[in-house]
């Protein structure tokens, strides 16, 4: 380095920022990351490569994520082969652990076991193996070690309705359910495959879902929250019903906001268009929730009919089904509310169109006699009648006469309209 003193200062500043990054998780944390990113942008590729040499693997990950993509190749070439190998091995390790999550029971709580190789998976006794868009290799690991047949998450949407819930000849229970993914910019259902193989639950899906994240947090924090694989499955369904209920509350809030706009005395066509788009989005989400809870009810009914559950688990399922019944009433109410607001909005559009048609009709009635007079004024007889009058006076007088006739027609229409409004209703 040409300026070792500046490099040492930058290194010290980066260490301080990383230390603060580990201590806080609030707005200050975000500010520290922005400040660290700004400092990294001031350093060249060789300086950043030297910085990566100094820090630990975790700190390297933080630094690497803050570097812009267009600079990474130059930095990769400047760093030593040892750091390069450790850095990208760690990246692969983290991605793999985010793809396959293995949990066992430890002191009554779920505990995640890091899985890097097939041998790591072989040495576990999990109650839950969660696979999120797994690689073919990871699916093969699970199938080989546990003797279970797992579907590819890409093929989950191709299943027939009759193949969603069934029992294999070896006793494995297969369930394919839809789970709600409600994001700010989109809402959709994500297919999830469950396989109960002896004492282990396998879940396969193509997306990370809030329900699964909530289940992991609860089971890790609360002792005795789950005791076996079926408890994990039932708690996932219960969390899905809870998540759907929260989504319905959001629909309520959005419709209340839309309702305040619908019940105004006047509304333009542009406002009506935006309101109809908002109502359509909420209607789509409400329909997805209804379909989702229906699918959950089918899955729970299958488990009860198959007598796969204990007495306590049967009671848990009944509680979940009661929650689903209450959600059905809410979704029906929301459908009616959505239809009402949509009809009211369309009514405003019709009123605006009627006003436009009324204006055009008035204009047509006003100009009808004017068109007749204008036609007469264009005839040769008019020229003969005004032969002794200068044409400037004749046509000026004719134009003034047309305006007077138009004004009288307009006044007459207004008079008859007011008279019609004031006319008392005929009593029966």
Protein backbone atom coordinates (compact mmCIF):
# COMPACT_ATOMS: atom_id res chain seq x y z
CA UNK A 1 0.00 0.00 0.00
CA UNK A 2 1.23 3.55 -0.82
CA UNK A 3 -0.32 5.05 2.29
CA UNK A 4 -0.13 2.53 5.13
CA UNK A 5 -1.23 5.10 7.68
CA UNK A 6 -4.48 5.84 5.77
CA UNK A 7 -5.08 2.12 5.35
CA UNK A 8 -4.72 1.59 9.11
CA UNK A 9 -7.16 4.43 9.77
CA UNK A 10 -9.69 2.98 7.34
CA UNK A 11 -9.20 -0.46 8.85
CA UNK A 12 -9.83 0.88 12.34
CA UNK A 13 -12.97 2.69 11.20
CA UNK A 14 -14.31 -0.45 9.51
CA UNK A 15 -13.68 -2.44 12.72
CA UNK A 16 -15.63 0.12 14.75
CA UNK A 17 -18.55 0.03 12.32
CA UNK A 18 -18.62 -3.78 12.33
CA UNK A 19 -18.57 -3.81 16.11
CA UNK A 20 -21.57 -1.47 16.21
CA UNK A 21 -23.28 -3.61 13.55
CA UNK A 22 -23.20 -6.59 15.93
CA UNK A 23 -24.60 -4.64 18.86
CA UNK A 24 -27.67 -2.95 17.44
CA UNK A 25 -30.54 -3.96 15.15
CA UNK A 26 -32.42 -0.65 14.87
CA UNK A 27 -32.17 2.49 12.78
CA UNK A 28 -28.63 3.04 14.07
CA UNK A 29 -27.72 -0.37 12.62
CA UNK A 30 -28.95 0.71 9.18
CA UNK A 31 -27.07 3.98 9.44
CA UNK A 32 -23.88 2.10 10.29
CA UNK A 33 -24.30 -0.12 7.24
CA UNK A 34 -24.77 2.91 4.99
CA UNK A 35 -21.68 4.53 6.49
CA UNK A 36 -19.67 1.32 6.06
CA UNK A 37 -20.81 0.99 2.44
CA UNK A 38 -19.81 4.58 1.73
CA UNK A 39 -16.35 3.93 3.19
CA UNK A 40 -15.93 0.78 1.09
CA UNK A 41 -16.80 2.71 -2.07
CA UNK A 42 -13.87 5.04 -1.39
CA UNK A 43 -11.37 2.14 -1.32
CA UNK A 44 -9.94 0.51 -4.42
CA UNK A 45 -10.10 -3.23 -5.12
CA UNK A 46 -6.68 -4.01 -3.64
CA UNK A 47 -7.45 -2.15 -0.42
CA UNK A 48 -10.74 -4.03 0.03
CA UNK A 49 -8.95 -7.32 -0.66
CA UNK A 50 -6.49 -6.45 2.12
CA UNK A 51 -9.40 -5.57 4.43
CA UNK A 52 -10.97 -8.99 3.79
CA UNK A 53 -7.68 -10.64 4.74
CA UNK A 54 -7.86 -9.11 8.23
CA UNK A 55 -11.43 -9.90 9.31
CA UNK A 56 -13.18 -13.09 10.38
CA UNK A 57 -15.51 -15.12 8.16
CA UNK A 58 -18.67 -13.50 9.55
CA UNK A 59 -17.29 -9.99 9.09
CA UNK A 60 -16.19 -10.86 5.56
CA UNK A 61 -19.78 -11.81 4.74
CA UNK A 62 -21.05 -8.45 5.98
CA UNK A 63 -18.44 -6.56 3.98
CA UNK A 64 -18.98 -8.66 0.84
CA UNK A 65 -22.75 -8.06 0.84
CA UNK A 66 -22.18 -4.29 0.91
CA UNK A 67 -19.89 -4.28 -2.13
CA UNK A 68 -21.51 -3.42 -5.47
CA UNK A 69 -21.77 -6.25 -8.00
CA UNK A 70 -19.75 -4.46 -10.67
CA UNK A 71 -16.72 -4.27 -8.31
CA UNK A 72 -16.76 -7.82 -6.98
CA UNK A 73 -14.89 -9.39 -9.89
CA UNK A 74 -11.89 -7.03 -9.49
CA UNK A 75 -11.83 -7.64 -5.74
CA UNK A 76 -12.10 -11.39 -6.27
CA UNK A 77 -9.01 -11.28 -8.48
CA UNK A 78 -7.08 -9.15 -5.96
CA UNK A 79 -7.76 -11.32 -2.88
CA UNK A 80 -5.64 -14.31 -1.94
CA UNK A 81 -6.72 -17.82 -2.91
CA UNK A 82 -7.17 -18.76 0.76
CA UNK A 83 -9.62 -15.91 1.46
CA UNK A 84 -11.39 -16.53 -1.84
CA UNK A 85 -11.93 -20.20 -0.99
CA UNK A 86 -13.10 -19.49 2.57
CA UNK A 87 -15.42 -16.66 1.50
CA UNK A 88 -17.27 -18.54 -1.22
CA UNK A 89 -17.36 -21.79 0.72
CA UNK A 90 -19.10 -19.88 3.50
CA UNK A 91 -21.55 -18.36 0.99
CA UNK A 92 -22.41 -21.81 -0.34
CA UNK A 93 -22.72 -23.15 3.21
CA UNK A 94 -25.19 -20.42 4.17
CA UNK A 95 -27.24 -20.87 1.04
CA UNK A 96 -27.42 -24.60 1.63
CA UNK A 97 -28.53 -24.15 5.23
CA UNK A 98 -31.20 -21.72 4.04
CA UNK A 99 -32.42 -24.37 1.58
CA UNK A 100 -32.52 -27.41 3.87
CA UNK A 101 -33.38 -26.87 7.52
CA UNK A 102 -33.30 -29.83 9.87
CA UNK A 103 -34.78 -29.68 13.37
CA UNK A 104 -34.72 -32.05 16.31
CA UNK A 105 -36.12 -31.78 19.84
CA UNK A 106 -33.75 -30.52 22.50
CA UNK A 107 -35.08 -29.87 26.01
CA UNK A 108 -38.61 -29.60 24.64
CA UNK A 109 -37.72 -27.04 21.98
CA UNK A 110 -36.99 -27.18 18.29
CA UNK A 111 -33.29 -26.95 17.55
CA UNK A 112 -31.90 -26.38 14.07
CA UNK A 113 -29.01 -28.60 13.02
CA UNK A 114 -26.60 -27.21 10.40
CA UNK A 115 -26.35 -29.49 7.38
CA UNK A 116 -23.40 -29.26 4.99
CA UNK A 117 -22.99 -32.84 3.79
CA UNK A 118 -24.96 -36.03 3.46
CA UNK A 119 -23.10 -37.40 6.49
CA UNK A 120 -24.40 -34.51 8.61
CA UNK A 121 -27.95 -35.46 7.68
CA UNK A 122 -27.29 -39.15 8.33
CA UNK A 123 -26.21 -38.46 11.90
CA UNK A 124 -29.44 -36.66 12.84
CA UNK A 125 -32.75 -37.84 14.28
CA UNK A 126 -34.99 -34.99 13.13
CA UNK A 127 -38.69 -34.48 13.70
CA UNK A 128 -38.88 -31.87 10.93
CA UNK A 129 -36.95 -31.51 7.67
CA UNK A 130 -37.90 -28.30 5.84
CA UNK A 131 -36.78 -27.93 2.22
CA UNK A 132 -37.17 -24.60 0.39
CA UNK A 133 -36.56 -24.94 -3.36
CA UNK A 134 -34.04 -27.73 -2.67
CA UNK A 135 -31.42 -28.93 -5.08
CA UNK A 136 -31.77 -32.37 -6.64
CA UNK A 137 -28.83 -33.48 -4.52
CA UNK A 138 -30.56 -32.55 -1.26
CA UNK A 139 -33.78 -34.31 -2.26
CA UNK A 140 -31.69 -37.40 -3.05
CA UNK A 141 -30.03 -37.20 0.39
CA UNK A 142 -33.37 -37.25 2.19
CA UNK A 143 -34.83 -40.00 0.01
CA UNK A 144 -31.75 -42.20 0.43
CA UNK A 145 -31.31 -41.72 4.19
CA UNK A 146 -34.94 -41.80 5.32
CA UNK A 147 -36.43 -43.95 2.57
CA UNK A 148 -39.05 -41.35 1.73
CA UNK A 149 -40.33 -40.22 -1.66
CA UNK A 150 -40.32 -36.42 -1.90
CA UNK A 151 -41.89 -34.42 -4.75
CA UNK A 152 -40.03 -31.74 -6.67
CA UNK A 153 -41.41 -28.31 -5.64
CA UNK A 154 -41.65 -27.32 -9.31
CA UNK A 155 -44.22 -30.08 -9.90
CA UNK A 156 -46.51 -29.36 -6.95
CA UNK A 157 -49.02 -27.31 -8.96
CA UNK A 158 -49.50 -30.13 -11.51
CA UNK A 159 -51.27 -32.44 -9.06
CA UNK A 160 -54.86 -33.55 -9.52
CA UNK A 161 -57.28 -32.75 -6.69
CA UNK A 162 -57.69 -36.44 -5.92
CA UNK A 163 -53.92 -36.80 -5.40
CA UNK A 164 -53.57 -34.09 -2.78
CA UNK A 165 -54.09 -36.31 0.29
CA UNK A 166 -53.19 -40.00 0.31
CA UNK A 167 -51.31 -42.74 2.18
CA UNK A 168 -48.49 -44.72 0.58
CA UNK A 169 -48.25 -48.49 0.85
CA UNK A 170 -45.35 -48.08 3.29
CA UNK A 171 -47.50 -45.92 5.59
CA UNK A 172 -46.15 -42.50 4.58
CA UNK A 173 -48.84 -39.80 4.72
CA UNK A 174 -48.80 -37.28 1.85
CA UNK A 175 -50.57 -33.93 2.02
CA UNK A 176 -50.40 -31.13 -0.54
CA UNK A 177 -51.79 -27.81 0.72
CA UNK A 178 -51.82 -24.17 -0.34
CA UNK A 179 -50.37 -21.55 2.00
CA UNK A 180 -51.03 -17.83 1.66
CA UNK A 181 -48.21 -15.45 0.76
CA UNK A 182 -49.51 -11.91 1.26
CA UNK A 183 -46.95 -9.33 0.14
CA UNK A 184 -47.36 -5.61 -0.36
CA UNK A 185 -47.24 -5.80 -4.15
CA UNK A 186 -48.83 -9.21 -4.66
CA UNK A 187 -50.79 -11.97 -2.95
CA UNK A 188 -50.76 -15.59 -4.03
CA UNK A 189 -51.04 -19.14 -2.79
CA UNK A 190 -47.90 -21.27 -2.60
CA UNK A 191 -48.17 -25.05 -2.86
CA UNK A 192 -46.51 -26.98 -0.01
CA UNK A 193 -46.03 -30.76 0.14
CA UNK A 194 -45.96 -32.53 3.51
CA UNK A 195 -44.81 -36.10 4.03
CA UNK A 196 -45.15 -37.80 7.43
CA UNK A 197 -42.56 -40.56 7.43
CA UNK A 198 -42.59 -42.47 10.72
CA UNK A 199 -41.55 -39.86 13.30
CA UNK A 200 -40.36 -37.19 10.84
CA UNK A 201 -42.25 -34.46 8.99
CA UNK A 202 -40.88 -33.40 5.61
CA UNK A 203 -42.07 -30.14 4.03
CA UNK A 204 -41.18 -29.14 0.47
CA UNK A 205 -42.01 -25.78 -1.11
CA UNK A 206 -40.73 -23.26 -3.63
CA UNK A 207 -40.96 -20.09 -1.49
CA UNK A 208 -40.12 -18.96 2.02
CA UNK A 209 -43.39 -18.38 3.85
CA UNK A 210 -44.17 -16.25 6.93
CA UNK A 211 -46.13 -19.10 8.52
CA UNK A 212 -43.09 -21.39 8.58
CA UNK A 213 -40.88 -18.65 9.97
CA UNK A 214 -43.42 -17.97 12.72
CA UNK A 215 -43.64 -21.67 13.58
CA UNK A 216 -39.85 -21.95 13.90
CA UNK A 217 -39.68 -18.93 16.20
CA UNK A 218 -42.48 -20.17 18.45
CA UNK A 219 -41.17 -23.72 18.74
CA UNK A 220 -37.67 -22.50 19.52
CA UNK A 221 -38.84 -20.07 22.18
CA UNK A 222 -41.49 -22.13 23.99
CA UNK A 223 -40.60 -25.34 25.76
CA UNK A 224 -43.08 -28.14 25.10
CA UNK A 225 -44.66 -26.29 22.17
CA UNK A 226 -44.24 -29.43 20.04
CA UNK A 227 -43.48 -32.99 21.04
CA UNK A 228 -43.62 -34.86 17.73
CA UNK A 229 -43.82 -34.40 13.96
CA UNK A 230 -47.63 -34.32 13.86
CA UNK A 231 -47.64 -31.46 16.35
CA UNK A 232 -45.43 -29.48 13.97
CA UNK A 233 -47.83 -30.18 11.10
CA UNK A 234 -50.93 -29.18 13.06
CA UNK A 235 -49.24 -26.04 14.37
CA UNK A 236 -48.34 -25.05 10.81
CA UNK A 237 -51.99 -25.36 9.81
CA UNK A 238 -53.06 -23.41 12.91
CA UNK A 239 -50.52 -20.68 12.12
CA UNK A 240 -51.83 -20.56 8.54
CA UNK A 241 -55.38 -19.94 9.80
CA UNK A 242 -54.04 -17.20 12.07
CA UNK A 243 -52.09 -15.66 9.19
CA UNK A 244 -55.23 -15.74 7.01
CA UNK A 245 -57.18 -14.01 9.80
CA UNK A 246 -54.56 -11.25 9.91
CA UNK A 247 -54.81 -10.89 6.14
CA UNK A 248 -58.60 -10.54 6.48
CA UNK A 249 -58.08 -7.73 9.00
CA UNK A 250 -55.95 -5.97 6.39
CA UNK A 251 -58.77 -6.42 3.88
CA UNK A 252 -61.18 -4.84 6.38
CA UNK A 253 -58.85 -1.85 6.79
CA UNK A 254 -58.41 -1.39 3.04
CA UNK A 255 -62.16 -1.59 2.41
CA UNK A 256 -62.85 0.97 5.14
CA UNK A 257 -60.42 3.35 3.43
CA UNK A 258 -62.07 2.67 0.07
CA UNK A 259 -65.51 3.11 1.66
CA UNK A 260 -64.66 6.65 2.77
CA UNK A 261 -63.96 7.49 -0.86
CA UNK A 262 -67.03 5.66 -2.20
CA UNK A 263 -69.47 7.48 0.08
CA UNK A 264 -68.48 10.94 -1.08
CA UNK A 265 -71.18 13.07 -2.69
CA UNK A 266 -69.30 13.26 -5.97
CA UNK A 267 -66.69 11.15 -7.73
CA UNK A 268 -64.85 11.57 -11.01
CA UNK A 269 -64.41 8.73 -13.46
CA UNK A 270 -60.65 8.66 -12.71
CA UNK A 271 -61.30 8.29 -8.98
CA UNK A 272 -63.88 5.59 -9.68
CA UNK A 273 -61.34 3.70 -11.81
CA UNK A 274 -58.76 3.74 -9.00
CA UNK A 275 -61.36 2.63 -6.46
CA UNK A 276 -62.50 -0.25 -8.67
CA UNK A 277 -58.87 -1.39 -9.03
CA UNK A 278 -58.40 -1.31 -5.23
CA UNK A 279 -61.65 -3.22 -4.65
CA UNK A 280 -60.63 -5.83 -7.23
CA UNK A 281 -57.34 -6.42 -5.42
CA UNK A 282 -59.11 -6.93 -2.09
CA UNK A 283 -61.65 -9.22 -3.73
CA UNK A 284 -58.83 -11.32 -5.17
CA UNK A 285 -57.11 -11.57 -1.76
CA UNK A 286 -60.39 -12.44 -0.04
CA UNK A 287 -60.98 -15.18 -2.60
CA UNK A 288 -57.49 -16.58 -2.04
CA UNK A 289 -58.04 -16.63 1.72
CA UNK A 290 -61.35 -18.44 1.29
CA UNK A 291 -59.77 -21.01 -0.99
CA UNK A 292 -56.86 -21.35 1.40
CA UNK A 293 -58.92 -22.08 4.51
CA UNK A 294 -61.04 -24.52 2.48
CA UNK A 295 -57.88 -26.40 1.55
CA UNK A 296 -56.76 -26.41 5.19
CA UNK A 297 -60.14 -27.79 6.27
CA UNK A 298 -59.81 -30.63 3.74
CA UNK A 299 -56.34 -31.52 5.01
CA UNK A 300 -57.42 -31.56 8.65
CA UNK A 301 -60.52 -33.60 7.82
CA UNK A 302 -58.31 -36.13 6.03
CA UNK A 303 -56.10 -36.48 9.11
CA UNK A 304 -59.14 -36.96 11.36
CA UNK A 305 -60.83 -39.50 9.09
CA UNK A 306 -57.62 -41.47 8.73
CA UNK A 307 -57.29 -41.74 12.53
CA UNK A 308 -53.67 -40.62 12.40
CA UNK A 309 -53.98 -38.31 15.41
CA UNK A 310 -54.06 -38.76 19.15
CA UNK A 311 -56.98 -37.68 21.30
CA UNK A 312 -55.27 -34.41 22.26
CA UNK A 313 -54.42 -33.72 18.63
CA UNK A 314 -58.07 -34.36 17.70
CA UNK A 315 -59.08 -31.61 20.10
CA UNK A 316 -56.48 -29.29 18.58
CA UNK A 317 -57.89 -30.00 15.11
CA UNK A 318 -61.42 -29.22 16.29
CA UNK A 319 -60.22 -25.86 17.62
CA UNK A 320 -58.61 -25.08 14.27
CA UNK A 321 -61.79 -26.09 12.43
CA UNK A 322 -63.83 -23.78 14.66
CA UNK A 323 -61.48 -20.93 13.77
CA UNK A 324 -61.95 -21.79 10.10
CA UNK A 325 -65.73 -21.66 10.52
CA UNK A 326 -65.46 -18.15 11.93
CA UNK A 327 -63.25 -17.12 9.00
CA UNK A 328 -65.86 -18.42 6.56
CA UNK A 329 -68.39 -15.98 8.01
CA UNK A 330 -65.92 -13.11 7.70
CA UNK A 331 -65.06 -13.91 4.08
CA UNK A 332 -68.77 -14.08 3.18
CA UNK A 333 -69.37 -10.71 4.84
CA UNK A 334 -66.42 -9.22 2.97
CA UNK A 335 -67.71 -10.57 -0.35
CA UNK A 336 -71.01 -8.76 0.28
CA UNK A 337 -69.19 -5.59 1.32
CA UNK A 338 -66.98 -5.73 -1.76
CA UNK A 339 -70.01 -6.23 -4.05
CA UNK A 340 -71.81 -3.32 -2.40
CA UNK A 341 -68.85 -0.96 -2.79
CA UNK A 342 -68.31 -2.09 -6.36
CA UNK A 343 -72.00 -1.51 -7.20
CA UNK A 344 -71.86 1.92 -5.55
CA UNK A 345 -68.77 2.87 -7.54
CA UNK A 346 -70.30 1.66 -10.80
CA UNK A 347 -73.40 3.68 -9.86
CA UNK A 348 -71.29 6.84 -9.64
CA UNK A 349 -69.87 6.08 -13.08
CA UNK A 350 -73.40 5.66 -14.45
CA UNK A 351 -74.49 8.95 -12.85
CA UNK A 352 -71.54 10.73 -14.47
CA UNK A 353 -72.42 9.20 -17.83
CA UNK A 354 -76.08 10.23 -17.42
CA UNK A 355 -74.97 13.79 -16.70
CA UNK A 356 -72.87 13.80 -19.86
CA UNK A 357 -75.77 12.42 -21.91
CA UNK A 358 -78.11 15.01 -20.40
CA UNK A 359 -75.76 17.85 -21.39
CA UNK A 360 -75.53 16.50 -24.93
CA UNK A 361 -79.33 16.19 -25.09
CA UNK A 362 -79.81 19.82 -23.97
CA UNK A 363 -77.30 20.99 -26.55
CA UNK A 364 -79.10 18.97 -29.25
CA UNK A 365 -82.53 20.41 -28.29
CA UNK A 366 -81.15 23.97 -28.25
CA UNK A 367 -79.55 23.64 -31.68
CA UNK A 368 -82.47 21.86 -33.31
CA UNK A 369 -84.50 25.04 -34.08
CA UNK A 370 -81.29 26.88 -34.86
CA UNK A 371 -80.44 24.28 -37.49
CA UNK A 372 -83.90 24.73 -39.06
CA UNK A 373 -83.52 28.52 -39.14
CA UNK A 374 -79.95 28.27 -40.43
CA UNK A 375 -81.17 26.03 -43.22
CA UNK A 376 -83.83 28.56 -44.14
CA UNK A 377 -81.26 31.36 -44.03
CA UNK A 378 -79.16 29.56 -46.56
CA UNK A 379 -81.97 29.36 -49.10
CA UNK A 380 -82.25 31.71 -52.06
CA UNK A 381 -85.62 33.00 -50.76
CA UNK A 382 -83.81 34.63 -47.82
CA UNK A 383 -81.62 36.59 -50.22
CA UNK A 384 -84.71 37.70 -52.09
CA UNK A 385 -86.43 38.78 -48.87
CA UNK A 386 -83.43 40.87 -47.82
CA UNK A 387 -82.68 42.26 -51.28
CA UNK A 388 -82.94 45.89 -50.29
CA UNK A 389 -81.01 45.48 -47.00
CA UNK A 390 -77.20 45.49 -46.86
CA UNK A 391 -75.94 41.94 -46.27
CA UNK A 392 -73.97 43.01 -43.16
CA UNK A 393 -77.18 44.16 -41.45
CA UNK A 394 -79.23 41.23 -42.73
CA UNK A 395 -76.89 38.51 -41.58
CA UNK A 396 -76.06 40.29 -38.29
CA UNK A 397 -79.78 40.53 -37.51
CA UNK A 398 -80.23 36.89 -38.49
CA UNK A 399 -77.35 35.81 -36.18
CA UNK A 400 -78.79 37.82 -33.28
CA UNK A 401 -82.16 36.25 -33.94
CA UNK A 402 -80.57 32.77 -33.81
CA UNK A 403 -78.97 33.54 -30.42
CA UNK A 404 -82.27 34.83 -29.04
CA UNK A 405 -84.08 31.69 -30.18
CA UNK A 406 -81.34 29.48 -28.64
CA UNK A 407 -81.51 31.39 -25.36
CA UNK A 408 -85.30 31.16 -25.24
CA UNK A 409 -85.12 27.41 -25.89
CA UNK A 410 -82.59 26.99 -23.05
CA UNK A 411 -84.74 29.05 -20.63
CA UNK A 412 -87.79 27.06 -21.60
CA UNK A 413 -86.02 23.75 -20.88
CA UNK A 414 -84.89 24.98 -17.47
CA UNK A 415 -88.41 26.22 -16.65
CA UNK A 416 -90.05 22.91 -17.46
CA UNK A 417 -87.34 21.02 -15.54
CA UNK A 418 -87.92 23.09 -12.36
CA UNK A 419 -91.67 22.77 -12.74
CA UNK A 420 -91.34 19.00 -12.99
CA UNK A 421 -89.23 18.88 -9.81
CA UNK A 422 -91.71 21.03 -7.85
CA UNK A 423 -94.74 19.08 -9.03
CA UNK A 424 -96.28 17.33 -5.95
CA UNK A 425 -96.65 13.57 -5.96
CA UNK A 426 -100.20 12.32 -6.70
CA UNK A 427 -101.69 10.77 -3.58
CA UNK A 428 -103.29 7.38 -3.95
